[in-house]
């Protein structure tokens, strides 16, 4: 195993442990992938993150062929399809954070309650329609919901974040969960005041040099 690949495998494990420590995810319900060569490296299915070793991370070719000790995550399809559709993205983080998932259950997109929504690429975080996990239909919905965005919610399911590096993708996922918490808090108090599309567009432009750098 080359040093670059080993580093990516270790980074995936570290990110899995961090998203559970931070509350972004729980158990083995989330999954992470990183682009590698002509395919991607992805977490295995149904394995506790604390037990993962670099050799447990699965290599997946773009034709869906898996190589490794274990089967890839049951959500491998949308990881593969997102990376195929978004050449600027090199990592995908999927998790079931409480606030994002609550909004996803309600089929309620996150609007521009705070300028940090620009981290997700635009004035909203869309909700992809429900489809059973691991399906081609869910993958198609996710790719569509992510068009022009770096994050989306999955109806009755969870959230997805993408980015140029795994570190920035984790940052985006955390920011989106914070936005979801803020929005839920505002909804309890009544009418929610929003920023305009033009205001968010200006922030998106400034974000080229803001936040966790690639």
Protein backbone atom coordinates (compact mmCIF):
# COMPACT_ATOMS: atom_id res chain seq x y z
CA UNK A 1 0.00 0.00 0.00
CA UNK A 2 1.41 3.37 -1.06
CA UNK A 3 1.83 6.14 1.53
CA UNK A 4 -0.84 8.31 -0.12
CA UNK A 5 -3.43 5.55 0.02
CA UNK A 6 -2.55 4.65 3.61
CA UNK A 7 -2.94 8.30 4.62
CA UNK A 8 -6.40 8.48 3.00
CA UNK A 9 -7.52 5.29 4.73
CA UNK A 10 -6.35 6.60 8.11
CA UNK A 11 -8.03 9.96 7.47
CA UNK A 12 -11.34 8.22 6.73
CA UNK A 13 -11.16 6.32 10.03
CA UNK A 14 -10.24 9.47 11.96
CA UNK A 15 -13.17 11.33 10.39
CA UNK A 16 -15.59 8.50 11.26
CA UNK A 17 -14.47 8.59 14.89
CA UNK A 18 -14.72 12.37 14.98
CA UNK A 19 -18.25 12.54 13.55
CA UNK A 20 -19.45 10.15 16.27
CA UNK A 21 -17.54 12.00 19.00
CA UNK A 22 -19.04 15.32 17.88
CA UNK A 23 -22.60 14.01 17.65
CA UNK A 24 -22.72 14.43 13.89
CA UNK A 25 -23.48 10.73 13.66
CA UNK A 26 -24.20 7.71 15.84
CA UNK A 27 -23.30 4.04 15.60
CA UNK A 28 -22.44 2.85 12.10
CA UNK A 29 -25.25 4.73 10.35
CA UNK A 30 -22.89 7.13 8.57
CA UNK A 31 -20.31 6.49 5.88
CA UNK A 32 -17.40 8.32 4.29
CA UNK A 33 -15.58 8.09 0.97
CA UNK A 34 -12.53 9.74 -0.58
CA UNK A 35 -11.59 9.78 -4.25
CA UNK A 36 -8.56 7.60 -5.00
CA UNK A 37 -7.06 6.95 -8.41
CA UNK A 38 -9.77 5.86 -10.83
CA UNK A 39 -12.17 4.99 -8.00
CA UNK A 40 -12.74 5.71 -4.34
CA UNK A 41 -11.98 4.48 -0.85
CA UNK A 42 -15.07 3.93 1.30
CA UNK A 43 -16.00 2.67 4.75
CA UNK A 44 -17.08 -0.97 4.99
CA UNK A 45 -20.63 -1.90 5.87
CA UNK A 46 -21.73 -2.58 9.46
CA UNK A 47 -18.38 -2.22 11.20
CA UNK A 48 -17.86 -0.26 14.42
CA UNK A 49 -15.62 2.70 13.71
CA UNK A 50 -13.47 2.07 16.78
CA UNK A 51 -12.48 -1.32 15.38
CA UNK A 52 -11.51 -0.08 11.91
CA UNK A 53 -7.99 -0.56 10.60
CA UNK A 54 -6.68 0.96 7.36
CA UNK A 55 -6.97 -2.44 5.65
CA UNK A 56 -10.71 -2.51 6.43
CA UNK A 57 -11.42 0.46 4.16
CA UNK A 58 -12.74 -0.78 0.81
CA UNK A 59 -11.52 0.29 -2.62
CA UNK A 60 -14.40 0.72 -5.05
CA UNK A 61 -13.94 1.05 -8.80
CA UNK A 62 -16.33 3.30 -10.69
CA UNK A 63 -18.04 0.25 -12.18
CA UNK A 64 -19.03 -0.81 -8.63
CA UNK A 65 -16.40 -3.53 -8.24
CA UNK A 66 -15.15 -3.67 -4.64
CA UNK A 67 -11.71 -4.80 -3.51
CA UNK A 68 -10.84 -5.51 0.11
CA UNK A 69 -11.59 -7.54 3.21
CA UNK A 70 -15.21 -6.44 3.47
CA UNK A 71 -18.23 -5.29 1.53
CA UNK A 72 -18.47 -1.53 0.97
CA UNK A 73 -21.05 0.62 2.74
CA UNK A 74 -24.60 -0.09 1.65
CA UNK A 75 -24.67 3.53 0.43
CA UNK A 76 -21.73 3.04 -1.95
CA UNK A 77 -23.91 3.88 -4.94
CA UNK A 78 -24.50 7.53 -4.11
CA UNK A 79 -20.87 7.96 -3.06
CA UNK A 80 -19.76 6.65 -6.46
CA UNK A 81 -22.37 8.59 -8.42
CA UNK A 82 -21.73 11.89 -6.61
CA UNK A 83 -17.98 11.68 -7.22
CA UNK A 84 -18.65 10.80 -10.87
CA UNK A 85 -21.01 13.77 -11.28
CA UNK A 86 -18.87 16.27 -9.36
CA UNK A 87 -15.23 16.16 -10.50
CA UNK A 88 -14.37 19.06 -8.17
CA UNK A 89 -15.39 16.96 -5.14
CA UNK A 90 -12.93 14.51 -3.60
CA UNK A 91 -14.83 13.43 -0.48
CA UNK A 92 -18.37 12.53 0.56
CA UNK A 93 -19.62 12.45 4.15
CA UNK A 94 -23.01 10.92 4.97
CA UNK A 95 -24.39 11.08 8.50
CA UNK A 96 -27.61 11.13 10.52
CA UNK A 97 -27.21 14.25 12.72
CA UNK A 98 -30.24 15.01 14.89
CA UNK A 99 -31.19 18.49 13.64
CA UNK A 100 -30.62 17.78 9.94
CA UNK A 101 -32.50 14.50 10.18
CA UNK A 102 -35.41 16.16 11.99
CA UNK A 103 -35.78 18.66 9.14
CA UNK A 104 -35.37 15.86 6.60
CA UNK A 105 -38.23 13.95 8.25
CA UNK A 106 -40.38 17.07 7.86
CA UNK A 107 -39.20 17.44 4.23
CA UNK A 108 -38.19 21.00 5.14
CA UNK A 109 -35.19 22.52 3.32
CA UNK A 110 -32.85 24.75 5.32
CA UNK A 111 -33.32 28.36 4.16
CA UNK A 112 -30.94 31.31 4.50
CA UNK A 113 -31.32 31.83 8.25
CA UNK A 114 -27.62 32.68 8.58
CA UNK A 115 -24.92 33.71 6.12
CA UNK A 116 -23.00 30.50 6.88
CA UNK A 117 -25.41 28.68 4.59
CA UNK A 118 -22.99 29.87 1.90
CA UNK A 119 -20.73 27.03 3.09
CA UNK A 120 -23.26 24.72 1.44
CA UNK A 121 -22.93 26.62 -1.84
CA UNK A 122 -26.17 28.58 -2.06
CA UNK A 123 -29.22 30.06 -0.30
CA UNK A 124 -30.81 26.71 0.58
CA UNK A 125 -29.93 23.19 1.60
CA UNK A 126 -32.37 21.10 -0.42
CA UNK A 127 -34.13 17.89 0.60
CA UNK A 128 -33.77 14.91 -1.74
CA UNK A 129 -37.02 12.90 -1.99
CA UNK A 130 -37.22 9.66 -0.03
CA UNK A 131 -36.05 6.41 -1.56
CA UNK A 132 -34.88 3.27 0.20
CA UNK A 133 -31.25 3.35 1.33
CA UNK A 134 -28.65 1.96 -1.03
CA UNK A 135 -30.90 2.28 -4.08
CA UNK A 136 -30.19 3.77 -7.49
CA UNK A 137 -33.27 5.95 -7.01
CA UNK A 138 -31.84 7.48 -3.84
CA UNK A 139 -28.55 8.08 -5.61
CA UNK A 140 -30.28 9.93 -8.44
CA UNK A 141 -32.23 12.07 -5.97
CA UNK A 142 -29.07 12.92 -4.02
CA UNK A 143 -27.09 13.93 -7.12
CA UNK A 144 -29.96 16.20 -8.21
CA UNK A 145 -30.35 17.80 -4.76
CA UNK A 146 -26.60 18.52 -4.68
CA UNK A 147 -26.57 20.34 -8.02
CA UNK A 148 -24.81 23.64 -7.36
CA UNK A 149 -24.51 22.76 -3.66
CA UNK A 150 -22.08 21.10 -1.25
CA UNK A 151 -24.74 19.60 1.02
CA UNK A 152 -28.26 18.23 0.97
CA UNK A 153 -30.73 16.49 3.25
CA UNK A 154 -32.23 13.08 2.50
CA UNK A 155 -35.93 12.84 3.31
CA UNK A 156 -36.60 10.57 6.33
CA UNK A 157 -32.92 9.68 6.37
CA UNK A 158 -30.06 12.13 7.03
CA UNK A 159 -27.64 14.42 5.25
CA UNK A 160 -24.78 14.42 2.74
CA UNK A 161 -21.85 16.83 2.45
CA UNK A 162 -19.22 16.94 -0.28
CA UNK A 163 -16.04 18.94 -0.77
CA UNK A 164 -12.57 19.19 -2.29
CA UNK A 165 -10.94 17.54 0.75
CA UNK A 166 -12.18 15.33 3.54
CA UNK A 167 -11.31 17.96 6.13
CA UNK A 168 -13.36 20.66 4.37
CA UNK A 169 -16.23 18.22 3.80
CA UNK A 170 -16.37 17.48 7.52
CA UNK A 171 -16.37 21.24 8.17
CA UNK A 172 -19.29 21.71 5.76
CA UNK A 173 -21.23 18.87 7.42
CA UNK A 174 -20.75 20.43 10.85
CA UNK A 175 -21.78 23.88 9.61
CA UNK A 176 -24.94 22.48 8.03
CA UNK A 177 -25.92 20.71 11.25
CA UNK A 178 -25.41 24.00 13.11
CA UNK A 179 -27.65 25.76 10.57
CA UNK A 180 -30.29 23.07 11.09
CA UNK A 181 -30.18 23.64 14.85
CA UNK A 182 -30.50 27.41 14.36
CA UNK A 183 -33.46 26.97 12.01
CA UNK A 184 -35.26 24.60 14.37
CA UNK A 185 -34.72 27.09 17.18
CA UNK A 186 -36.16 29.93 15.09
CA UNK A 187 -39.21 27.87 14.10
CA UNK A 188 -40.14 27.52 17.77
CA UNK A 189 -40.34 31.31 18.12
CA UNK A 190 -42.51 32.07 15.09
CA UNK A 191 -41.79 33.71 11.74
CA UNK A 192 -38.24 33.21 10.52
CA UNK A 193 -36.42 36.16 8.96
CA UNK A 194 -34.24 35.16 6.01
CA UNK A 195 -31.38 36.64 4.05
CA UNK A 196 -31.99 37.24 0.33
CA UNK A 197 -30.52 35.18 -2.50
CA UNK A 198 -28.44 38.21 -3.46
CA UNK A 199 -27.01 38.51 0.05
CA UNK A 200 -26.06 34.84 0.09
CA UNK A 201 -24.56 35.05 -3.40
CA UNK A 202 -22.24 37.79 -2.14
CA UNK A 203 -21.16 35.59 0.76
CA UNK A 204 -20.60 32.59 -1.55
CA UNK A 205 -18.25 34.80 -3.58
CA UNK A 206 -16.33 35.83 -0.46
CA UNK A 207 -16.11 32.22 0.71
CA UNK A 208 -13.45 31.54 -1.91
CA UNK A 209 -11.01 32.69 0.75
CA UNK A 210 -12.96 31.86 3.92
CA UNK A 211 -13.44 28.87 6.19
CA UNK A 212 -11.38 25.73 6.32
CA UNK A 213 -9.10 25.88 3.30
CA UNK A 214 -8.72 22.99 0.88
